[in-house]
């Protein structure tokens, strides 16, 4: 007769801290993390959010149904909210795309613009057009943007 052995998990030597409710609301399991620079000719198409730790060089392309966040310079083509989500946003440390799309809105930088601000910027739809602003992590009431 075989003996059944049940392997119960060991008792943790630490207590799990409870996360604040606000953190639980921010967790999204539909996000991809890209930990490299995207070079010309490289493309990422993802049904969710895309976070790039690196640059997006000219000729590279990111298409996402959600938000696109670039922790570096964004100089390629990006399309956030590709499934029609006008609430999607594009955020980058240096926002200099060759073309930027959010849902069905398309924009590109002016021909005479040489450099942008030295601060992170966010692009999103406001009043039915793409607007680009300096990124503020919270509004004057302390709410996350």
C-alpha atoms as a PDB file:
ATOM      1  CA  UNK A   1       0.000   0.000   0.000  1.00  0.00           C
ATOM      2  CA  UNK A   2       1.398   3.381  -1.033  1.00  0.00           C
ATOM      3  CA  UNK A   3       1.742   6.098   1.517  1.00  0.00           C
ATOM      4  CA  UNK A   4       0.450   9.502   0.463  1.00  0.00           C
ATOM      5  CA  UNK A   5       2.663  12.387   1.495  1.00  0.00           C
ATOM      6  CA  UNK A   6       1.232  15.862   1.415  1.00  0.00           C
ATOM      7  CA  UNK A   7       3.726  18.624   1.138  1.00  0.00           C
ATOM      8  CA  UNK A   8       2.379  21.587   3.038  1.00  0.00           C
ATOM      9  CA  UNK A   9       4.052  24.930   2.521  1.00  0.00           C
ATOM     10  CA  UNK A  10       6.428  25.964   5.294  1.00  0.00           C
ATOM     11  CA  UNK A  11       5.358  28.632   7.707  1.00  0.00           C
ATOM     12  CA  UNK A  12       6.635  31.990   6.505  1.00  0.00           C
ATOM     13  CA  UNK A  13       9.161  33.590   8.800  1.00  0.00           C
ATOM     14  CA  UNK A  14       7.768  36.998   7.892  1.00  0.00           C
ATOM     15  CA  UNK A  15       4.331  38.512   7.861  1.00  0.00           C
ATOM     16  CA  UNK A  16       2.891  39.643   4.580  1.00  0.00           C
ATOM     17  CA  UNK A  17       2.184  43.344   4.640  1.00  0.00           C
ATOM     18  CA  UNK A  18      -1.208  44.440   3.477  1.00  0.00           C
ATOM     19  CA  UNK A  19      -1.185  46.581   0.399  1.00  0.00           C
ATOM     20  CA  UNK A  20      -3.191  49.780   0.453  1.00  0.00           C
ATOM     21  CA  UNK A  21      -6.383  49.579  -1.588  1.00  0.00           C
ATOM     22  CA  UNK A  22      -5.016  52.200  -4.001  1.00  0.00           C
ATOM     23  CA  UNK A  23      -2.131  49.872  -4.909  1.00  0.00           C
ATOM     24  CA  UNK A  24      -4.526  46.989  -5.634  1.00  0.00           C
ATOM     25  CA  UNK A  25      -6.441  49.244  -8.014  1.00  0.00           C
ATOM     26  CA  UNK A  26      -3.240  50.038  -9.922  1.00  0.00           C
ATOM     27  CA  UNK A  27      -2.180  46.421 -10.457  1.00  0.00           C
ATOM     28  CA  UNK A  28      -2.657  45.304 -14.018  1.00  0.00           C
ATOM     29  CA  UNK A  29      -1.620  41.881 -15.204  1.00  0.00           C
ATOM     30  CA  UNK A  30      -1.833  42.908 -18.848  1.00  0.00           C
ATOM     31  CA  UNK A  31       1.463  44.806 -19.045  1.00  0.00           C
ATOM     32  CA  UNK A  32       4.707  43.881 -20.767  1.00  0.00           C
ATOM     33  CA  UNK A  33       8.092  45.165 -19.576  1.00  0.00           C
ATOM     34  CA  UNK A  34      10.742  45.601 -22.261  1.00  0.00           C
ATOM     35  CA  UNK A  35      14.194  46.022 -20.710  1.00  0.00           C
ATOM     36  CA  UNK A  36      16.187  47.180 -23.726  1.00  0.00           C
ATOM     37  CA  UNK A  37      16.399  49.889 -26.341  1.00  0.00           C
ATOM     38  CA  UNK A  38      14.272  49.343 -29.439  1.00  0.00           C
ATOM     39  CA  UNK A  39      16.285  49.913 -32.588  1.00  0.00           C
ATOM     40  CA  UNK A  40      15.146  50.852 -36.097  1.00  0.00           C
ATOM     41  CA  UNK A  41      13.036  48.104 -37.640  1.00  0.00           C
ATOM     42  CA  UNK A  42      12.040  46.527 -34.317  1.00  0.00           C
ATOM     43  CA  UNK A  43       8.306  46.387 -33.564  1.00  0.00           C
ATOM     44  CA  UNK A  44       6.246  45.549 -30.507  1.00  0.00           C
ATOM     45  CA  UNK A  45       2.514  44.889 -30.840  1.00  0.00           C
ATOM     46  CA  UNK A  46       0.837  44.057 -27.519  1.00  0.00           C
ATOM     47  CA  UNK A  47      -2.752  43.770 -26.323  1.00  0.00           C
ATOM     48  CA  UNK A  48      -2.262  45.738 -23.097  1.00  0.00           C
ATOM     49  CA  UNK A  49       0.198  48.256 -21.675  1.00  0.00           C
ATOM     50  CA  UNK A  50       3.845  48.492 -22.760  1.00  0.00           C
ATOM     51  CA  UNK A  51       6.640  49.786 -20.508  1.00  0.00           C
ATOM     52  CA  UNK A  52      10.082  50.234 -22.075  1.00  0.00           C
ATOM     53  CA  UNK A  53      13.152  50.653 -19.878  1.00  0.00           C
ATOM     54  CA  UNK A  54      15.379  52.137 -22.551  1.00  0.00           C
ATOM     55  CA  UNK A  55      14.960  54.244 -25.650  1.00  0.00           C
ATOM     56  CA  UNK A  56      12.723  53.861 -28.701  1.00  0.00           C
ATOM     57  CA  UNK A  57      14.888  54.907 -31.636  1.00  0.00           C
ATOM     58  CA  UNK A  58      13.638  56.343 -34.941  1.00  0.00           C
ATOM     59  CA  UNK A  59      12.300  53.536 -37.125  1.00  0.00           C
ATOM     60  CA  UNK A  60      11.123  51.455 -34.131  1.00  0.00           C
ATOM     61  CA  UNK A  61       7.400  51.012 -33.495  1.00  0.00           C
ATOM     62  CA  UNK A  62       5.189  50.224 -30.505  1.00  0.00           C
ATOM     63  CA  UNK A  63       1.480  49.456 -30.858  1.00  0.00           C
ATOM     64  CA  UNK A  64      -0.484  48.802 -27.655  1.00  0.00           C
ATOM     65  CA  UNK A  65      -4.157  48.593 -26.795  1.00  0.00           C
ATOM     66  CA  UNK A  66      -3.350  50.337 -23.480  1.00  0.00           C
ATOM     67  CA  UNK A  67      -0.789  52.876 -22.266  1.00  0.00           C
ATOM     68  CA  UNK A  68       2.803  53.220 -23.485  1.00  0.00           C
ATOM     69  CA  UNK A  69       5.473  54.316 -21.003  1.00  0.00           C
ATOM     70  CA  UNK A  70       9.078  54.854 -22.093  1.00  0.00           C
ATOM     71  CA  UNK A  71      11.711  55.318 -19.403  1.00  0.00           C
ATOM     72  CA  UNK A  72      14.071  56.917 -21.880  1.00  0.00           C
ATOM     73  CA  UNK A  73      13.862  58.833 -25.151  1.00  0.00           C
ATOM     74  CA  UNK A  74      10.907  58.122 -27.436  1.00  0.00           C
ATOM     75  CA  UNK A  75      11.894  58.956 -31.017  1.00  0.00           C
ATOM     76  CA  UNK A  76      10.048  56.233 -32.946  1.00  0.00           C
ATOM     77  CA  UNK A  77       6.395  55.605 -33.829  1.00  0.00           C
ATOM     78  CA  UNK A  78       3.883  54.797 -31.066  1.00  0.00           C
ATOM     79  CA  UNK A  79       0.187  53.950 -31.094  1.00  0.00           C
ATOM     80  CA  UNK A  80      -1.469  53.761 -27.648  1.00  0.00           C
ATOM     81  CA  UNK A  81      -5.119  52.765 -27.302  1.00  0.00           C
ATOM     82  CA  UNK A  82      -4.885  50.961 -30.634  1.00  0.00           C
ATOM     83  CA  UNK A  83      -8.205  49.206 -29.999  1.00  0.00           C
ATOM     84  CA  UNK A  84      -9.942  52.594 -29.762  1.00  0.00           C
ATOM     85  CA  UNK A  85      -9.271  53.469 -26.095  1.00  0.00           C
ATOM     86  CA  UNK A  86      -9.179  57.270 -25.925  1.00  0.00           C
ATOM     87  CA  UNK A  87      -8.232  57.084 -22.223  1.00  0.00           C
ATOM     88  CA  UNK A  88      -4.819  55.629 -23.136  1.00  0.00           C
ATOM     89  CA  UNK A  89      -1.734  57.803 -22.714  1.00  0.00           C
ATOM     90  CA  UNK A  90       1.880  57.936 -23.849  1.00  0.00           C
ATOM     91  CA  UNK A  91       4.488  58.947 -21.280  1.00  0.00           C
ATOM     92  CA  UNK A  92       8.225  59.334 -21.888  1.00  0.00           C
ATOM     93  CA  UNK A  93      11.243  60.928 -20.255  1.00  0.00           C
ATOM     94  CA  UNK A  94      11.986  62.578 -23.642  1.00  0.00           C
ATOM     95  CA  UNK A  95       8.899  62.644 -25.845  1.00  0.00           C
ATOM     96  CA  UNK A  96      10.130  63.209 -29.417  1.00  0.00           C
ATOM     97  CA  UNK A  97       8.199  60.689 -31.560  1.00  0.00           C
ATOM     98  CA  UNK A  98       8.246  60.701 -35.335  1.00  0.00           C
ATOM     99  CA  UNK A  99       4.521  59.887 -35.103  1.00  0.00           C
ATOM    100  CA  UNK A 100       2.217  59.535 -32.101  1.00  0.00           C
ATOM    101  CA  UNK A 101      -1.247  58.000 -32.182  1.00  0.00           C
ATOM    102  CA  UNK A 102      -3.827  57.579 -29.448  1.00  0.00           C
ATOM    103  CA  UNK A 103      -6.923  55.629 -30.482  1.00  0.00           C
ATOM    104  CA  UNK A 104      -7.840  57.150 -33.866  1.00  0.00           C
ATOM    105  CA  UNK A 105      -6.013  60.474 -33.282  1.00  0.00           C
ATOM    106  CA  UNK A 106      -2.680  61.011 -35.064  1.00  0.00           C
ATOM    107  CA  UNK A 107      -0.059  63.706 -34.542  1.00  0.00           C
ATOM    108  CA  UNK A 108       3.584  64.337 -35.268  1.00  0.00           C
ATOM    109  CA  UNK A 109       6.038  66.948 -34.017  1.00  0.00           C
ATOM    110  CA  UNK A 110       6.229  70.327 -35.725  1.00  0.00           C
ATOM    111  CA  UNK A 111       8.936  70.607 -38.388  1.00  0.00           C
ATOM    112  CA  UNK A 112      10.626  73.540 -36.639  1.00  0.00           C
ATOM    113  CA  UNK A 113      10.813  71.944 -33.163  1.00  0.00           C
ATOM    114  CA  UNK A 114      14.387  70.935 -32.350  1.00  0.00           C
ATOM    115  CA  UNK A 115      14.335  69.936 -28.682  1.00  0.00           C
ATOM    116  CA  UNK A 116      11.673  69.438 -26.073  1.00  0.00           C
ATOM    117  CA  UNK A 117      11.688  70.107 -22.360  1.00  0.00           C
ATOM    118  CA  UNK A 118      14.105  68.295 -20.073  1.00  0.00           C
ATOM    119  CA  UNK A 119      11.184  66.817 -18.116  1.00  0.00           C
ATOM    120  CA  UNK A 120       8.964  63.773 -18.632  1.00  0.00           C
ATOM    121  CA  UNK A 121       5.921  64.509 -20.780  1.00  0.00           C
ATOM    122  CA  UNK A 122       2.552  62.838 -21.212  1.00  0.00           C
ATOM    123  CA  UNK A 123       0.405  62.765 -24.337  1.00  0.00           C
ATOM    124  CA  UNK A 124      -3.316  62.067 -24.038  1.00  0.00           C
ATOM    125  CA  UNK A 125      -6.642  63.019 -25.569  1.00  0.00           C
ATOM    126  CA  UNK A 126      -8.242  66.186 -24.217  1.00  0.00           C
ATOM    127  CA  UNK A 127     -11.141  67.981 -25.921  1.00  0.00           C
ATOM    128  CA  UNK A 128     -10.972  65.491 -28.808  1.00  0.00           C
ATOM    129  CA  UNK A 129      -7.331  66.249 -29.686  1.00  0.00           C
ATOM    130  CA  UNK A 130      -3.891  65.007 -28.669  1.00  0.00           C
ATOM    131  CA  UNK A 131      -2.321  67.238 -26.039  1.00  0.00           C
ATOM    132  CA  UNK A 132       1.218  67.008 -24.676  1.00  0.00           C
ATOM    133  CA  UNK A 133       2.007  68.319 -21.213  1.00  0.00           C
ATOM    134  CA  UNK A 134       4.794  68.122 -18.682  1.00  0.00           C
ATOM    135  CA  UNK A 135       4.044  65.074 -16.550  1.00  0.00           C
ATOM    136  CA  UNK A 136       2.894  65.723 -12.982  1.00  0.00           C
ATOM    137  CA  UNK A 137       2.637  62.612 -10.811  1.00  0.00           C
ATOM    138  CA  UNK A 138      -0.414  63.984  -8.981  1.00  0.00           C
ATOM    139  CA  UNK A 139      -2.851  66.832  -9.252  1.00  0.00           C
ATOM    140  CA  UNK A 140      -3.160  69.602  -6.686  1.00  0.00           C
ATOM    141  CA  UNK A 141      -5.542  67.405  -4.652  1.00  0.00           C
ATOM    142  CA  UNK A 142      -3.036  64.556  -4.403  1.00  0.00           C
ATOM    143  CA  UNK A 143      -4.867  62.289  -6.866  1.00  0.00           C
ATOM    144  CA  UNK A 144      -2.754  60.215  -9.203  1.00  0.00           C
ATOM    145  CA  UNK A 145      -3.062  61.308 -12.793  1.00  0.00           C
END
